[in-house]
């Protein structure tokens, strides 16, 4: 996975580049979180997650819809 909006100045990119160099041609799949944002990272979904899991709040019916995919 990569999330490097700062591109060449990114420490995460340097780590990723070093890893890719070390694996010597092994076939891996890169997931760029800037281009392919997981649903949970969308603002409304992440806000619902934070309110429920960190603030211990009951979710409103609207927020429950955003978070319903991850409620266990």
PDB file of N, CA and C in Angstrom:
ATOM      1  N   UNK A   1       0.847  -1.173   0.000  1.00  0.00           N
ATOM      2  CA  UNK A   1       0.000   0.000   0.000  1.00  0.00           C
ATOM      3  C   UNK A   1       0.886   1.227   0.000  1.00  0.00           C
ATOM      4  N   UNK A   2       0.441   2.211  -0.664  1.00  0.00           N
ATOM      5  CA  UNK A   2       1.179   3.454  -0.618  1.00  0.00           C
ATOM      6  C   UNK A   2       0.216   4.618  -0.490  1.00  0.00           C
ATOM      7  N   UNK A   3       0.644   5.578   0.256  1.00  0.00           N
ATOM      8  CA  UNK A   3      -0.086   6.829   0.409  1.00  0.00           C
ATOM      9  C   UNK A   3       0.986   7.903   0.464  1.00  0.00           C
ATOM     10  N   UNK A   4       1.269   8.449  -0.678  1.00  0.00           N
ATOM     11  CA  UNK A   4       2.407   9.369  -0.762  1.00  0.00           C
ATOM     12  C   UNK A   4       2.035  10.644  -1.517  1.00  0.00           C
ATOM     13  N   UNK A   5       1.179  11.466  -0.952  1.00  0.00           N
ATOM     14  CA  UNK A   5       0.807  12.690  -1.655  1.00  0.00           C
ATOM     15  C   UNK A   5       1.972  13.668  -1.833  1.00  0.00           C
ATOM     16  N   UNK A   6       3.027  13.513  -1.023  1.00  0.00           N
ATOM     17  CA  UNK A   6       4.180  14.410  -1.158  1.00  0.00           C
ATOM     18  C   UNK A   6       5.174  13.897  -2.188  1.00  0.00           C
ATOM     19  N   UNK A   7       4.895  12.730  -2.747  1.00  0.00           N
ATOM     20  CA  UNK A   7       5.717  12.100  -3.770  1.00  0.00           C
ATOM     21  C   UNK A   7       7.180  11.993  -3.383  1.00  0.00           C
ATOM     22  N   UNK A   8       8.065  12.624  -4.092  1.00  0.00           N
ATOM     23  CA  UNK A   8       9.508  12.442  -3.894  1.00  0.00           C
ATOM     24  C   UNK A   8       9.992  12.881  -2.509  1.00  0.00           C
ATOM     25  N   UNK A   9       9.288  13.766  -1.841  1.00  0.00           N
ATOM     26  CA  UNK A   9       9.694  14.223  -0.501  1.00  0.00           C
ATOM     27  C   UNK A   9       9.187  13.305   0.600  1.00  0.00           C
ATOM     28  N   UNK A  10       8.433  12.283   0.232  1.00  0.00           N
ATOM     29  CA  UNK A  10       7.774  11.417   1.207  1.00  0.00           C
ATOM     30  C   UNK A  10       8.712  10.365   1.786  1.00  0.00           C
ATOM     31  N   UNK A  11       8.747  10.280   3.100  1.00  0.00           N
ATOM     32  CA  UNK A  11       9.503   9.213   3.764  1.00  0.00           C
ATOM     33  C   UNK A  11       8.873   7.851   3.474  1.00  0.00           C
ATOM     34  N   UNK A  12       7.542   7.808   3.403  1.00  0.00           N
ATOM     35  CA  UNK A  12       6.852   6.556   3.092  1.00  0.00           C
ATOM     36  C   UNK A  12       7.248   6.061   1.704  1.00  0.00           C
ATOM     37  N   UNK A  13       7.405   6.963   0.759  1.00  0.00           N
ATOM     38  CA  UNK A  13       7.825   6.572  -0.593  1.00  0.00           C
ATOM     39  C   UNK A  13       9.234   6.002  -0.567  1.00  0.00           C
ATOM     40  N   UNK A  14      10.106   6.574   0.210  1.00  0.00           N
ATOM     41  CA  UNK A  14      11.482   6.053   0.301  1.00  0.00           C
ATOM     42  C   UNK A  14      11.475   4.633   0.865  1.00  0.00           C
ATOM     43  N   UNK A  15      10.643   4.380   1.870  1.00  0.00           N
ATOM     44  CA  UNK A  15      10.536   3.039   2.449  1.00  0.00           C
ATOM     45  C   UNK A  15       9.963   2.068   1.422  1.00  0.00           C
ATOM     46  N   UNK A  16       8.914   2.480   0.726  1.00  0.00           N
ATOM     47  CA  UNK A  16       8.304   1.635  -0.298  1.00  0.00           C
ATOM     48  C   UNK A  16       9.302   1.324  -1.408  1.00  0.00           C
ATOM     49  N   UNK A  17      10.034   2.329  -1.871  1.00  0.00           N
ATOM     50  CA  UNK A  17      11.034   2.116  -2.926  1.00  0.00           C
ATOM     51  C   UNK A  17      12.120   1.143  -2.474  1.00  0.00           C
ATOM     52  N   UNK A  18      12.570   1.270  -1.239  1.00  0.00           N
ATOM     53  CA  UNK A  18      13.591   0.359  -0.697  1.00  0.00           C
ATOM     54  C   UNK A  18      13.040  -1.066  -0.632  1.00  0.00           C
ATOM     55  N   UNK A  19      11.801  -1.226  -0.221  1.00  0.00           N
ATOM     56  CA  UNK A  19      11.177  -2.545  -0.158  1.00  0.00           C
ATOM     57  C   UNK A  19      11.102  -3.162  -1.545  1.00  0.00           C
ATOM     58  N   UNK A  20      10.634  -2.395  -2.519  1.00  0.00           N
ATOM     59  CA  UNK A  20      10.494  -2.906  -3.889  1.00  0.00           C
ATOM     60  C   UNK A  20      11.856  -3.321  -4.436  1.00  0.00           C
ATOM     61  N   UNK A  21      12.866  -2.550  -4.135  1.00  0.00           N
ATOM     62  CA  UNK A  21      14.216  -2.886  -4.582  1.00  0.00           C
ATOM     63  C   UNK A  21      14.691  -4.201  -3.948  1.00  0.00           C
ATOM     64  N   UNK A  22      14.350  -4.422  -2.684  1.00  0.00           N
ATOM     65  CA  UNK A  22      14.779  -5.624  -1.961  1.00  0.00           C
ATOM     66  C   UNK A  22      14.096  -6.903  -2.435  1.00  0.00           C
ATOM     67  N   UNK A  23      12.870  -6.814  -2.917  1.00  0.00           N
ATOM     68  CA  UNK A  23      12.152  -8.036  -3.286  1.00  0.00           C
ATOM     69  C   UNK A  23      12.550  -8.557  -4.665  1.00  0.00           C
ATOM     70  N   UNK A  24      13.410  -7.838  -5.352  1.00  0.00           N
ATOM     71  CA  UNK A  24      14.013  -8.300  -6.612  1.00  0.00           C
ATOM     72  C   UNK A  24      13.050  -8.943  -7.597  1.00  0.00           C
ATOM     73  N   UNK A  25      12.095  -8.178  -8.065  1.00  0.00           N
ATOM     74  CA  UNK A  25      11.240  -8.635  -9.146  1.00  0.00           C
ATOM     75  C   UNK A  25      10.070  -9.514  -8.760  1.00  0.00           C
ATOM     76  N   UNK A  26       9.856  -9.768  -7.480  1.00  0.00           N
ATOM     77  CA  UNK A  26       8.662 -10.518  -7.099  1.00  0.00           C
ATOM     78  C   UNK A  26       7.437  -9.734  -7.545  1.00  0.00           C
ATOM     79  N   UNK A  27       6.433 -10.453  -7.968  1.00  0.00           N
ATOM     80  CA  UNK A  27       5.210  -9.814  -8.455  1.00  0.00           C
ATOM     81  C   UNK A  27       4.354  -9.408  -7.258  1.00  0.00           C
ATOM     82  N   UNK A  28       4.175  -8.119  -7.074  1.00  0.00           N
ATOM     83  CA  UNK A  28       3.327  -7.615  -6.002  1.00  0.00           C
ATOM     84  C   UNK A  28       2.305  -6.660  -6.590  1.00  0.00           C
ATOM     85  N   UNK A  29       1.233  -6.499  -5.871  1.00  0.00           N
ATOM     86  CA  UNK A  29       0.197  -5.550  -6.284  1.00  0.00           C
ATOM     87  C   UNK A  29       0.333  -4.300  -5.438  1.00  0.00           C
ATOM     88  N   UNK A  30       0.415  -3.157  -6.103  1.00  0.00           N
ATOM     89  CA  UNK A  30       0.478  -1.887  -5.386  1.00  0.00           C
ATOM     90  C   UNK A  30      -0.929  -1.317  -5.281  1.00  0.00           C
ATOM     91  N   UNK A  31      -1.257  -0.835  -4.115  1.00  0.00           N
ATOM     92  CA  UNK A  31      -2.529  -0.160  -3.898  1.00  0.00           C
ATOM     93  C   UNK A  31      -2.207   1.270  -3.495  1.00  0.00           C
ATOM     94  N   UNK A  32      -2.555   2.199  -4.344  1.00  0.00           N
ATOM     95  CA  UNK A  32      -2.310   3.609  -4.087  1.00  0.00           C
ATOM     96  C   UNK A  32      -3.552   4.206  -3.430  1.00  0.00           C
ATOM     97  N   UNK A  33      -3.457   4.514  -2.147  1.00  0.00           N
ATOM     98  CA  UNK A  33      -4.613   5.008  -1.401  1.00  0.00           C
ATOM     99  C   UNK A  33      -5.051   6.410  -1.814  1.00  0.00           C
ATOM    100  N   UNK A  34      -4.217   7.098  -2.569  1.00  0.00           N
ATOM    101  CA  UNK A  34      -4.618   8.412  -3.083  1.00  0.00           C
ATOM    102  C   UNK A  34      -5.546   8.228  -4.277  1.00  0.00           C
ATOM    103  N   UNK A  35      -5.258   7.234  -5.104  1.00  0.00           N
ATOM    104  CA  UNK A  35      -6.053   7.012  -6.318  1.00  0.00           C
ATOM    105  C   UNK A  35      -7.236   6.084  -6.087  1.00  0.00           C
ATOM    106  N   UNK A  36      -7.096   5.150  -5.161  1.00  0.00           N
ATOM    107  CA  UNK A  36      -8.135   4.160  -4.905  1.00  0.00           C
ATOM    108  C   UNK A  36      -8.451   4.162  -3.410  1.00  0.00           C
ATOM    109  N   UNK A  37      -9.249   5.127  -2.987  1.00  0.00           N
ATOM    110  CA  UNK A  37      -9.544   5.322  -1.571  1.00  0.00           C
ATOM    111  C   UNK A  37     -10.523   4.258  -1.084  1.00  0.00           C
ATOM    112  N   UNK A  38     -10.141   3.485  -0.052  1.00  0.00           N
ATOM    113  CA  UNK A  38     -11.092   2.521   0.521  1.00  0.00           C
ATOM    114  C   UNK A  38     -12.305   3.252   1.109  1.00  0.00           C
ATOM    115  N   UNK A  39     -13.462   2.611   1.046  1.00  0.00           N
ATOM    116  CA  UNK A  39     -14.697   3.235   1.541  1.00  0.00           C
ATOM    117  C   UNK A  39     -14.568   3.756   2.970  1.00  0.00           C
ATOM    118  N   UNK A  40     -13.912   2.998   3.828  1.00  0.00           N
ATOM    119  CA  UNK A  40     -13.810   3.410   5.226  1.00  0.00           C
ATOM    120  C   UNK A  40     -13.068   4.732   5.379  1.00  0.00           C
ATOM    121  N   UNK A  41     -12.210   5.082   4.442  1.00  0.00           N
ATOM    122  CA  UNK A  41     -11.432   6.323   4.534  1.00  0.00           C
ATOM    123  C   UNK A  41     -12.171   7.545   3.991  1.00  0.00           C
ATOM    124  N   UNK A  42     -13.369   7.350   3.445  1.00  0.00           N
ATOM    125  CA  UNK A  42     -14.149   8.499   2.992  1.00  0.00           C
ATOM    126  C   UNK A  42     -14.591   9.290   4.220  1.00  0.00           C
ATOM    127  N   UNK A  43     -14.689  10.593   4.088  1.00  0.00           N
ATOM    128  CA  UNK A  43     -14.913  11.474   5.236  1.00  0.00           C
ATOM    129  C   UNK A  43     -16.119  11.064   6.090  1.00  0.00           C
ATOM    130  N   UNK A  44     -17.260  10.842   5.483  1.00  0.00           N
ATOM    131  CA  UNK A  44     -18.469  10.525   6.263  1.00  0.00           C
ATOM    132  C   UNK A  44     -18.313   9.192   6.996  1.00  0.00           C
ATOM    133  N   UNK A  45     -17.725   8.208   6.327  1.00  0.00           N
ATOM    134  CA  UNK A  45     -17.549   6.894   6.948  1.00  0.00           C
ATOM    135  C   UNK A  45     -16.537   6.959   8.084  1.00  0.00           C
ATOM    136  N   UNK A  46     -15.450   7.659   7.874  1.00  0.00           N
ATOM    137  CA  UNK A  46     -14.412   7.767   8.891  1.00  0.00           C
ATOM    138  C   UNK A  46     -14.914   8.544  10.107  1.00  0.00           C
ATOM    139  N   UNK A  47     -15.710   9.567   9.872  1.00  0.00           N
ATOM    140  CA  UNK A  47     -16.289  10.332  10.970  1.00  0.00           C
ATOM    141  C   UNK A  47     -17.201   9.444  11.822  1.00  0.00           C
ATOM    142  N   UNK A  48     -18.029   8.640  11.170  1.00  0.00           N
ATOM    143  CA  UNK A  48     -18.900   7.722  11.909  1.00  0.00           C
ATOM    144  C   UNK A  48     -18.065   6.730  12.710  1.00  0.00           C
ATOM    145  N   UNK A  49     -17.017   6.210  12.125  1.00  0.00           N
ATOM    146  CA  UNK A  49     -16.125   5.271  12.811  1.00  0.00           C
ATOM    147  C   UNK A  49     -15.519   5.902  14.065  1.00  0.00           C
ATOM    148  N   UNK A  50     -15.027   7.119  13.935  1.00  0.00           N
ATOM    149  CA  UNK A  50     -14.391   7.809  15.068  1.00  0.00           C
ATOM    150  C   UNK A  50     -15.401   8.069  16.184  1.00  0.00           C
ATOM    151  N   UNK A  51     -16.587   8.546  15.812  1.00  0.00           N
ATOM    152  CA  UNK A  51     -17.601   8.839  16.834  1.00  0.00           C
ATOM    153  C   UNK A  51     -18.017   7.578  17.579  1.00  0.00           C
ATOM    154  N   UNK A  52     -18.145   6.474  16.872  1.00  0.00           N
ATOM    155  CA  UNK A  52     -18.577   5.228  17.520  1.00  0.00           C
ATOM    156  C   UNK A  52     -17.439   4.602  18.324  1.00  0.00           C
ATOM    157  N   UNK A  53     -16.275   4.450  17.711  1.00  0.00           N
ATOM    158  CA  UNK A  53     -15.215   3.653  18.329  1.00  0.00           C
ATOM    159  C   UNK A  53     -14.323   4.435  19.283  1.00  0.00           C
ATOM    160  N   UNK A  54     -14.167   5.713  19.084  1.00  0.00           N
ATOM    161  CA  UNK A  54     -13.278   6.486  19.955  1.00  0.00           C
ATOM    162  C   UNK A  54     -14.022   7.378  20.942  1.00  0.00           C
ATOM    163  N   UNK A  55     -15.159   7.909  20.514  1.00  0.00           N
ATOM    164  CA  UNK A  55     -15.928   8.764  21.408  1.00  0.00           C
ATOM    165  C   UNK A  55     -17.012   7.984  22.139  1.00  0.00           C
ATOM    166  N   UNK A  56     -17.229   6.706  21.749  1.00  0.00           N
ATOM    167  CA  UNK A  56     -18.220   5.856  22.406  1.00  0.00           C
ATOM    168  C   UNK A  56     -19.646   6.323  22.211  1.00  0.00           C
ATOM    169  N   UNK A  57     -19.892   7.052  21.150  1.00  0.00           N
ATOM    170  CA  UNK A  57     -21.225   7.596  20.911  1.00  0.00           C
ATOM    171  C   UNK A  57     -22.090   6.619  20.124  1.00  0.00           C
ATOM    172  N   UNK A  58     -23.380   6.645  20.428  1.00  0.00           N
ATOM    173  CA  UNK A  58     -24.334   5.925  19.594  1.00  0.00           C
ATOM    174  C   UNK A  58     -24.417   6.667  18.268  1.00  0.00           C
ATOM    175  N   UNK A  59     -24.486   5.919  17.183  1.00  0.00           N
ATOM    176  CA  UNK A  59     -24.553   6.564  15.875  1.00  0.00           C
ATOM    177  C   UNK A  59     -25.983   6.967  15.546  1.00  0.00           C
ATOM    178  N   UNK A  60     -26.120   8.133  14.960  1.00  0.00           N
ATOM    179  CA  UNK A  60     -27.426   8.553  14.456  1.00  0.00           C
ATOM    180  C   UNK A  60     -27.789   7.621  13.298  1.00  0.00           C
ATOM    181  N   UNK A  61     -29.037   7.615  12.901  1.00  0.00           N
ATOM    182  CA  UNK A  61     -29.450   6.737  11.800  1.00  0.00           C
ATOM    183  C   UNK A  61     -28.686   7.077  10.518  1.00  0.00           C
ATOM    184  N   UNK A  62     -28.391   8.344  10.317  1.00  0.00           N
ATOM    185  CA  UNK A  62     -27.621   8.752   9.137  1.00  0.00           C
ATOM    186  C   UNK A  62     -26.207   8.204   9.198  1.00  0.00           C
ATOM    187  N   UNK A  63     -25.544   8.390  10.335  1.00  0.00           N
ATOM    188  CA  UNK A  63     -24.165   7.881  10.462  1.00  0.00           C
ATOM    189  C   UNK A  63     -24.140   6.358  10.464  1.00  0.00           C
ATOM    190  N   UNK A  64     -25.166   5.730  10.979  1.00  0.00           N
ATOM    191  CA  UNK A  64     -25.220   4.269  10.986  1.00  0.00           C
ATOM    192  C   UNK A  64     -25.205   3.735   9.555  1.00  0.00           C
ATOM    193  N   UNK A  65     -25.859   4.434   8.649  1.00  0.00           N
ATOM    194  CA  UNK A  65     -25.856   4.035   7.236  1.00  0.00           C
ATOM    195  C   UNK A  65     -24.427   4.083   6.686  1.00  0.00           C
ATOM    196  N   UNK A  66     -23.682   5.136   7.010  1.00  0.00           N
ATOM    197  CA  UNK A  66     -22.312   5.261   6.516  1.00  0.00           C
ATOM    198  C   UNK A  66     -21.427   4.153   7.065  1.00  0.00           C
ATOM    199  N   UNK A  67     -21.680   3.764   8.303  1.00  0.00           N
ATOM    200  CA  UNK A  67     -20.793   2.845   9.013  1.00  0.00           C
ATOM    201  C   UNK A  67     -21.295   1.395   8.993  1.00  0.00           C
ATOM    202  N   UNK A  68     -22.491   1.154   8.476  1.00  0.00           N
ATOM    203  CA  UNK A  68     -23.138  -0.157   8.594  1.00  0.00           C
ATOM    204  C   UNK A  68     -22.297  -1.286   8.012  1.00  0.00           C
ATOM    205  N   UNK A  69     -21.489  -1.011   7.028  1.00  0.00           N
ATOM    206  CA  UNK A  69     -20.666  -2.034   6.383  1.00  0.00           C
ATOM    207  C   UNK A  69     -19.634  -2.613   7.367  1.00  0.00           C
ATOM    208  N   UNK A  70     -19.242  -1.839   8.388  1.00  0.00           N
ATOM    209  CA  UNK A  70     -18.178  -2.266   9.292  1.00  0.00           C
ATOM    210  C   UNK A  70     -18.663  -2.588  10.710  1.00  0.00           C
ATOM    211  N   UNK A  71     -19.941  -2.394  10.992  1.00  0.00           N
ATOM    212  CA  UNK A  71     -20.459  -2.690  12.330  1.00  0.00           C
ATOM    213  C   UNK A  71     -20.490  -4.200  12.517  1.00  0.00           C
ATOM    214  N   UNK A  72     -19.902  -4.615  13.615  1.00  0.00           N
ATOM    215  CA  UNK A  72     -19.858  -6.061  13.910  1.00  0.00           C
ATOM    216  C   UNK A  72     -20.884  -6.381  14.970  1.00  0.00           C
TER     217      UNK A  72
END
